[in-house]
């Protein structure tokens, strides 16, 4: 005699809801490196709040310039003082946190002059921060997980070439993750073409300092429309909602915790490309406790 389990419709609906919620859970990406008062990299990862940490920034590179990292008050790269970060990087990775080098930034001196220039920069990044070898690795021997394109100046040329050259190294040692932090107006003025390559794993779109597409005064339509365009038109594994971690972290675009958890996240999490939230930056997150407040909702 066969035994049949009767399952009520409400129970099935509840199970579907649980599965859907679990499958669309996201992570938090944080930028670290631009304020000496934000704690160490190891401490940042030890909070348990972040799945991705972007070390910001390699602010000078390309067009014949000697590449130079700038980590504000954390260490002095000119005296090889940042190599001690290697143990912190390994500590983060041991906790499952991906550690990524962010190149560019809002105040850097960088550009790519040609496809060959892009190739040379990719070679430099591979040998000095990723799986290659160099006698002058700025962050020591630790192998970072990838490269973040935070390109906010210069020209929009050859970033697609840089992505292709870096992606080519993924076949060696371990995967090279490619991430990017475009502005929310679509397409991004600098790396719009690069993002079309489909080589980027995570794209944390800056929904701040851009009034036409950011959240403001309980008005979600602009952000929602921009989010739909990004998730439908960019062939990336995951798209993240990039936000200031505190009101002072950006000129505009801060979303109060309650608005984010009750209005914004429910409106965007139904996308299969939803990856989570990116915050600028660890220093401001320390001031506000933003990541701790939103973590269970992301």
Protein backbone atom coordinates (compact mmCIF):
# COMPACT_ATOMS: atom_id res chain seq x y z
CA UNK A 1 0.00 0.00 0.00
CA UNK A 2 1.53 3.34 -1.07
CA UNK A 3 1.80 6.09 1.52
CA UNK A 4 0.81 9.52 0.27
CA UNK A 5 1.81 12.69 2.07
CA UNK A 6 -0.75 15.42 1.74
CA UNK A 7 0.95 18.81 1.46
CA UNK A 8 -1.19 21.88 1.74
CA UNK A 9 -0.91 24.70 -0.78
CA UNK A 10 0.15 27.27 1.87
CA UNK A 11 3.01 24.95 2.91
CA UNK A 12 4.18 24.65 -0.70
CA UNK A 13 4.03 28.43 -1.10
CA UNK A 14 6.04 28.85 2.07
CA UNK A 15 8.69 26.39 0.86
CA UNK A 16 8.94 28.17 -2.49
CA UNK A 17 9.33 31.48 -0.65
CA UNK A 18 12.10 30.06 1.55
CA UNK A 19 13.94 28.64 -1.45
CA UNK A 20 13.60 31.87 -3.41
CA UNK A 21 14.85 33.91 -0.48
CA UNK A 22 17.80 31.62 0.08
CA UNK A 23 18.80 31.57 -3.57
CA UNK A 24 18.88 35.35 -3.82
CA UNK A 25 20.94 36.11 -0.77
CA UNK A 26 23.67 38.65 -1.45
CA UNK A 27 26.98 39.73 -0.01
CA UNK A 28 28.56 43.03 0.97
CA UNK A 29 31.58 44.48 -0.83
CA UNK A 30 33.62 47.17 0.92
CA UNK A 31 36.37 49.59 -0.13
CA UNK A 32 39.34 49.80 2.25
CA UNK A 33 42.55 51.80 2.02
CA UNK A 34 41.74 55.49 1.77
CA UNK A 35 41.66 56.39 5.46
CA UNK A 36 44.29 55.42 8.01
CA UNK A 37 41.68 55.53 10.79
CA UNK A 38 39.54 52.69 9.45
CA UNK A 39 41.42 49.83 11.13
CA UNK A 40 43.59 47.15 9.57
CA UNK A 41 42.72 44.99 6.60
CA UNK A 42 42.76 41.92 8.85
CA UNK A 43 40.35 43.58 11.29
CA UNK A 44 38.10 44.52 8.39
CA UNK A 45 37.75 40.90 7.32
CA UNK A 46 37.42 39.71 10.93
CA UNK A 47 34.11 41.60 11.29
CA UNK A 48 32.43 38.90 9.22
CA UNK A 49 30.38 41.58 7.47
CA UNK A 50 32.11 41.54 4.09
CA UNK A 51 32.48 38.96 1.34
CA UNK A 52 34.68 41.20 -0.82
CA UNK A 53 37.28 43.82 0.12
CA UNK A 54 38.61 46.20 -2.51
CA UNK A 55 42.06 47.58 -1.62
CA UNK A 56 41.98 51.17 -2.89
CA UNK A 57 43.82 52.31 -4.92
CA UNK A 58 46.53 51.68 -7.48
CA UNK A 59 46.09 55.32 -8.43
CA UNK A 60 48.99 55.84 -10.84
CA UNK A 61 49.62 53.63 -13.87
CA UNK A 62 49.59 53.51 -17.66
CA UNK A 63 50.82 55.85 -20.39
CA UNK A 64 54.47 55.42 -19.41
CA UNK A 65 54.01 56.20 -15.72
CA UNK A 66 55.62 54.18 -12.95
CA UNK A 67 52.72 52.38 -11.25
CA UNK A 68 52.20 53.49 -7.65
CA UNK A 69 49.77 52.34 -4.99
CA UNK A 70 48.20 54.87 -2.60
CA UNK A 71 46.81 53.54 0.67
CA UNK A 72 46.55 56.89 2.47
CA UNK A 73 47.74 56.61 6.07
CA UNK A 74 47.96 52.83 6.18
CA UNK A 75 51.49 52.45 4.85
CA UNK A 76 54.19 54.15 2.77
CA UNK A 77 54.68 52.42 -0.60
CA UNK A 78 57.73 54.57 -1.39
CA UNK A 79 59.69 52.82 1.38
CA UNK A 80 58.23 49.38 0.62
CA UNK A 81 56.10 49.82 3.72
CA UNK A 82 52.98 48.10 2.39
CA UNK A 83 54.48 44.62 2.00
CA UNK A 84 53.36 43.81 5.54
CA UNK A 85 49.78 43.68 4.26
CA UNK A 86 50.53 40.25 2.84
CA UNK A 87 49.69 38.49 6.11
CA UNK A 88 46.45 40.49 6.38
CA UNK A 89 45.48 39.50 2.83
CA UNK A 90 46.08 35.83 3.61
CA UNK A 91 44.09 36.18 6.84
CA UNK A 92 41.15 37.57 4.88
CA UNK A 93 41.32 34.84 2.25
CA UNK A 94 41.45 32.16 4.96
CA UNK A 95 38.07 33.50 6.12
CA UNK A 96 36.65 33.17 2.62
CA UNK A 97 36.86 36.89 1.82
CA UNK A 98 37.95 37.78 -1.71
CA UNK A 99 40.60 40.52 -1.69
CA UNK A 100 40.74 42.62 -4.83
CA UNK A 101 43.04 45.43 -5.94
CA UNK A 102 41.10 48.48 -7.08
CA UNK A 103 42.80 50.45 -9.83
CA UNK A 104 41.95 54.06 -10.62
CA UNK A 105 39.84 56.05 -8.18
CA UNK A 106 38.43 59.55 -8.27
CA UNK A 107 41.74 61.38 -7.93
CA UNK A 108 44.31 59.17 -9.61
CA UNK A 109 46.66 59.73 -12.54
CA UNK A 110 45.96 56.95 -14.99
CA UNK A 111 45.11 56.22 -18.61
CA UNK A 112 45.87 53.67 -21.28
CA UNK A 113 47.57 54.94 -24.41
CA UNK A 114 47.24 51.86 -26.62
CA UNK A 115 46.46 48.16 -26.73
CA UNK A 116 50.13 47.48 -26.05
CA UNK A 117 49.97 49.79 -23.04
CA UNK A 118 47.00 47.78 -21.77
CA UNK A 119 49.00 44.58 -22.22
CA UNK A 120 51.93 46.03 -20.27
CA UNK A 121 49.68 47.15 -17.41
CA UNK A 122 48.08 43.68 -17.31
CA UNK A 123 51.54 42.09 -17.14
CA UNK A 124 52.51 44.44 -14.33
CA UNK A 125 49.35 43.65 -12.36
CA UNK A 126 49.84 39.91 -12.86
CA UNK A 127 53.46 39.95 -11.74
CA UNK A 128 53.08 42.37 -8.85
CA UNK A 129 49.68 41.58 -7.33
CA UNK A 130 48.38 38.33 -8.79
CA UNK A 131 49.97 34.94 -9.55
CA UNK A 132 53.12 36.12 -11.30
CA UNK A 133 56.52 36.91 -9.82
CA UNK A 134 58.34 40.18 -9.25
CA UNK A 135 61.07 41.42 -6.92
CA UNK A 136 59.01 44.50 -6.09
CA UNK A 137 55.53 43.30 -5.12
CA UNK A 138 54.01 46.33 -3.30
CA UNK A 139 51.77 44.21 -1.05
CA UNK A 140 54.23 41.36 -0.59
CA UNK A 141 53.92 37.74 -1.75
CA UNK A 142 50.17 37.28 -1.12
CA UNK A 143 48.22 36.56 -4.31
CA UNK A 144 45.15 38.78 -4.62
CA UNK A 145 41.89 37.40 -5.99
CA UNK A 146 41.38 39.94 -8.76
CA UNK A 147 41.36 43.47 -10.12
CA UNK A 148 38.64 46.09 -9.70
CA UNK A 149 38.19 48.76 -12.36
CA UNK A 150 37.22 51.98 -10.56
CA UNK A 151 37.83 54.17 -13.57
CA UNK A 152 36.52 57.69 -13.08
CA UNK A 153 38.80 59.76 -15.28
CA UNK A 154 41.15 59.79 -18.25
CA UNK A 155 39.62 58.31 -21.38
CA UNK A 156 37.34 55.40 -22.09
CA UNK A 157 39.82 53.70 -24.38
CA UNK A 158 41.54 50.31 -24.04
CA UNK A 159 39.91 49.24 -20.76
CA UNK A 160 38.28 46.39 -22.68
CA UNK A 161 41.77 45.37 -23.82
CA UNK A 162 43.03 45.43 -20.24
CA UNK A 163 40.12 43.21 -19.17
CA UNK A 164 40.91 40.73 -21.98
CA UNK A 165 44.61 40.54 -21.10
CA UNK A 166 43.88 40.07 -17.39
CA UNK A 167 41.24 37.45 -18.15
CA UNK A 168 43.87 35.53 -20.10
CA UNK A 169 45.78 34.97 -16.87
CA UNK A 170 42.80 33.20 -15.29
CA UNK A 171 44.02 29.94 -16.79
CA UNK A 172 47.12 30.03 -14.58
CA UNK A 173 47.33 29.18 -10.86
CA UNK A 174 43.83 30.41 -9.95
CA UNK A 175 40.99 32.45 -11.37
CA UNK A 176 41.52 36.19 -11.73
CA UNK A 177 38.24 37.87 -10.76
CA UNK A 178 37.39 41.05 -12.62
CA UNK A 179 35.15 43.61 -10.95
CA UNK A 180 34.15 47.17 -11.78
CA UNK A 181 32.57 50.23 -10.17
CA UNK A 182 30.79 52.19 -12.92
CA UNK A 183 28.55 55.20 -12.31
CA UNK A 184 24.81 54.48 -12.50
CA UNK A 185 24.06 56.63 -15.61
CA UNK A 186 24.00 54.06 -18.42
CA UNK A 187 26.30 53.35 -20.19
CA UNK A 188 29.28 54.29 -18.05
CA UNK A 189 31.36 56.99 -19.72
CA UNK A 190 34.70 55.29 -19.06
CA UNK A 191 34.26 51.54 -18.90
CA UNK A 192 31.00 51.06 -20.79
CA UNK A 193 32.78 49.24 -23.62
CA UNK A 194 34.84 47.10 -21.25
CA UNK A 195 31.70 45.91 -19.48
CA UNK A 196 30.28 44.70 -22.80
CA UNK A 197 33.03 42.07 -23.02
CA UNK A 198 31.21 39.86 -20.53
CA UNK A 199 34.49 39.25 -18.69
CA UNK A 200 33.44 40.89 -15.42
CA UNK A 201 32.33 38.75 -12.51
CA UNK A 202 31.00 41.44 -10.19
CA UNK A 203 29.88 44.95 -11.09
CA UNK A 204 29.18 47.28 -8.15
CA UNK A 205 27.32 50.19 -9.72
CA UNK A 206 27.72 53.54 -7.94
CA UNK A 207 24.17 54.65 -7.18
CA UNK A 208 25.41 57.84 -5.52
CA UNK A 209 26.66 61.26 -6.61
CA UNK A 210 24.40 60.69 -9.61
CA UNK A 211 20.95 62.22 -8.88
CA UNK A 212 19.30 61.06 -12.16
CA UNK A 213 19.55 57.39 -11.19
CA UNK A 214 19.92 57.28 -7.42
CA UNK A 215 17.40 56.97 -4.60
CA UNK A 216 16.14 60.22 -3.13
CA UNK A 217 13.44 61.25 -0.68
CA UNK A 218 11.55 57.97 -0.80
CA UNK A 219 11.52 58.08 -4.63
CA UNK A 220 12.59 54.71 -5.95
CA UNK A 221 11.60 54.86 -9.64
CA UNK A 222 14.85 56.39 -10.93
CA UNK A 223 16.99 53.83 -9.14
CA UNK A 224 14.73 50.94 -10.12
CA UNK A 225 14.76 51.92 -13.80
CA UNK A 226 18.54 52.21 -13.81
CA UNK A 227 18.89 48.89 -11.98
CA UNK A 228 16.75 47.14 -14.59
CA UNK A 229 18.89 48.55 -17.38
CA UNK A 230 22.14 47.47 -15.73
CA UNK A 231 20.92 43.96 -14.99
CA UNK A 232 19.43 43.44 -18.43
CA UNK A 233 22.18 45.00 -20.57
CA UNK A 234 25.44 44.10 -18.82
CA UNK A 235 26.66 40.49 -19.19
CA UNK A 236 28.16 40.16 -15.70
CA UNK A 237 27.72 37.34 -13.19
CA UNK A 238 26.41 39.64 -10.46
CA UNK A 239 25.38 43.29 -10.19
CA UNK A 240 25.67 45.07 -6.84
CA UNK A 241 23.95 48.17 -5.50
CA UNK A 242 26.78 50.60 -4.70
CA UNK A 243 26.00 52.99 -1.83
CA UNK A 244 27.66 55.41 0.60
CA UNK A 245 28.02 53.77 4.03
CA UNK A 246 27.15 57.07 5.76
CA UNK A 247 25.66 60.44 4.73
CA UNK A 248 29.14 62.04 4.77
CA UNK A 249 30.63 59.36 2.52
CA UNK A 250 29.28 60.97 -0.66
CA UNK A 251 27.73 64.17 -1.90
CA UNK A 252 24.36 62.49 -2.38
CA UNK A 253 22.70 59.10 -2.61
CA UNK A 254 22.80 57.84 0.98
CA UNK A 255 19.83 55.55 1.70
CA UNK A 256 18.62 55.29 5.32
CA UNK A 257 18.70 51.70 6.61
CA UNK A 258 14.92 51.41 6.92
CA UNK A 259 14.35 52.68 3.36
CA UNK A 260 16.97 50.27 2.01
CA UNK A 261 15.59 47.20 3.77
CA UNK A 262 11.88 47.91 3.34
CA UNK A 263 11.75 49.52 -0.10
CA UNK A 264 14.91 49.34 -2.19
CA UNK A 265 16.20 45.81 -1.62
CA UNK A 266 12.76 44.18 -2.08
CA UNK A 267 12.47 46.02 -5.41
CA UNK A 268 15.80 44.81 -6.83
CA UNK A 269 16.43 41.40 -5.28
CA UNK A 270 14.12 39.63 -7.72
CA UNK A 271 16.80 39.96 -10.41
CA UNK A 272 18.79 36.78 -11.04
CA UNK A 273 21.89 38.99 -11.31
CA UNK A 274 21.46 40.55 -7.88
CA UNK A 275 24.74 40.10 -6.01
CA UNK A 276 24.39 42.31 -2.97
CA UNK A 277 25.49 45.74 -1.83
CA UNK A 278 28.80 47.59 -2.23
CA UNK A 279 29.71 50.24 0.34
CA UNK A 280 32.05 53.20 0.26
CA UNK A 281 33.95 52.87 2.51
CA UNK A 282 35.21 50.97 5.56
CA UNK A 283 35.98 54.23 7.38
CA UNK A 284 32.42 55.50 6.96
CA UNK A 285 30.96 52.09 7.74
CA UNK A 286 32.82 52.22 11.06
CA UNK A 287 31.12 55.53 11.83
CA UNK A 288 27.61 54.43 10.92
CA UNK A 289 27.48 50.68 11.53
CA UNK A 290 25.64 50.47 8.20
CA UNK A 291 26.86 47.04 7.13
CA UNK A 292 25.91 45.49 10.47
CA UNK A 293 22.43 47.03 10.18
CA UNK A 294 21.76 45.73 6.66
CA UNK A 295 23.68 42.45 6.59
CA UNK A 296 20.75 40.17 7.43
CA UNK A 297 18.64 41.85 4.72
CA UNK A 298 21.19 41.81 1.88
